[in-house]
Amino acid sequence: MKIRAHGTPVECRAAVGKLFEAFSDPDRIVSVSEAYPDRGASILVRVYLEVRLGIPPQPSEALGSGAGQRQARSPGDGSSHGRAPGRRR
């Protein structure tokens, strides 16, 4: 599983520390990136973690079950851009 921590450098260090505590086996933390600064005048950074949950998937949660997949939009519904109406990037 991939996790992104986004906040001040102090907040991100604290979040990474809490995740290391939560995943008591250090081998479950696969990787931790360096802190990447946000663009512009922001003081925020992003830190990316990859972890192993250690929970085997249940049959109902297997890939391809349809859960969590987006529904296809019908042609002509006026939303060919793939975003919700009125939502800006």
Protein backbone atom coordinates (compact mmCIF):
# COMPACT_ATOMS: atom_id res chain seq x y z
CA MET A 1 0.00 0.00 0.00
CA LYS A 2 1.26 3.49 -0.77
CA ILE A 3 0.68 6.35 1.67
CA ARG A 4 1.37 10.05 1.18
CA ALA A 5 2.00 12.32 4.16
CA HIS A 6 1.40 15.99 3.33
CA GLY A 7 2.12 18.78 5.79
CA THR A 8 4.93 20.76 7.35
CA PRO A 9 8.28 19.01 7.66
CA VAL A 10 7.70 18.56 11.41
CA GLU A 11 4.22 17.10 10.83
CA CYS A 12 5.51 14.69 8.18
CA ARG A 13 8.38 13.50 10.40
CA ALA A 14 5.86 12.91 13.22
CA ALA A 15 3.49 11.04 10.86
CA VAL A 16 6.30 8.81 9.58
CA GLY A 17 7.34 8.10 13.18
CA LYS A 18 3.76 7.14 14.10
CA LEU A 19 3.54 4.84 11.09
CA PHE A 20 6.77 3.12 12.15
CA GLU A 21 5.20 2.62 15.60
CA ALA A 22 1.94 1.33 14.08
CA PHE A 23 3.80 -1.16 11.89
CA SER A 24 5.72 -2.71 14.79
CA ASP A 25 7.71 -4.96 12.44
CA PRO A 26 10.14 -2.63 10.62
CA ASP A 27 10.24 -5.01 7.63
CA ARG A 28 6.64 -3.97 6.84
CA ILE A 29 7.86 -0.46 5.91
CA VAL A 30 9.17 -1.05 2.38
CA SER A 31 10.33 2.49 1.59
CA VAL A 32 10.16 6.11 2.75
CA SER A 33 10.94 8.91 0.31
CA GLU A 34 12.72 12.14 1.02
CA ALA A 35 10.56 15.21 1.72
CA TYR A 36 9.50 16.82 -1.55
CA PRO A 37 8.61 20.53 -1.23
CA ASP A 38 5.35 21.79 -2.67
CA ARG A 39 5.59 24.21 -5.57
CA GLY A 40 5.53 27.94 -5.07
CA ALA A 41 5.86 29.71 -1.74
CA SER A 42 4.37 26.83 0.25
CA ILE A 43 6.08 25.58 3.41
CA LEU A 44 4.47 22.15 3.00
CA VAL A 45 6.20 18.96 1.90
CA ARG A 46 5.16 15.48 0.76
CA VAL A 47 6.64 12.21 1.98
CA TYR A 48 5.71 8.94 0.30
CA LEU A 49 5.70 5.60 2.13
CA GLU A 50 5.20 2.09 0.85
CA VAL A 51 4.08 -0.43 3.46
CA ARG A 52 3.01 -4.06 3.65
CA LEU A 53 -0.18 -4.47 5.62
CA GLY A 54 0.32 -8.16 6.24
CA ILE A 55 -3.40 -8.85 5.81
CA PRO A 56 -4.25 -11.50 3.22
CA PRO A 57 -7.04 -10.38 0.88
CA GLN A 58 -10.45 -11.91 1.45
CA PRO A 59 -12.20 -13.56 -1.53
CA SER A 60 -14.80 -10.77 -1.66
CA GLU A 61 -12.00 -8.18 -1.83
CA ALA A 62 -10.13 -9.83 -4.69
CA LEU A 63 -9.27 -7.69 -7.67
CA GLY A 64 -11.86 -7.73 -10.39
CA SER A 65 -14.82 -8.06 -8.05
CA GLY A 66 -16.13 -4.70 -9.26
CA ALA A 67 -15.89 -3.00 -5.90
CA GLY A 68 -14.38 0.46 -6.11
CA GLN A 69 -14.47 0.61 -9.89
CA ARG A 70 -15.83 3.69 -11.60
CA GLN A 71 -19.00 3.45 -13.59
CA ALA A 72 -18.72 4.17 -17.29
CA ARG A 73 -20.48 7.33 -18.43
CA SER A 74 -22.92 7.08 -21.25
CA PRO A 75 -22.14 8.97 -24.45
CA GLY A 76 -23.85 12.31 -24.70
CA ASP A 77 -24.21 12.96 -20.98
CA GLY A 78 -22.11 16.11 -21.43
CA SER A 79 -19.28 15.00 -19.19
CA SER A 80 -16.68 13.56 -21.53
CA HIS A 81 -13.87 15.18 -19.55
CA GLY A 82 -14.24 12.60 -16.74
CA ARG A 83 -14.69 15.07 -13.88
CA ALA A 84 -17.76 15.91 -11.88
CA PRO A 85 -19.77 18.87 -13.27
CA GLY A 86 -18.56 22.18 -11.88
CA ARG A 87 -15.32 20.77 -10.53
CA ARG A 88 -12.15 22.62 -11.47
CA ARG A 89 -8.58 21.45 -11.52
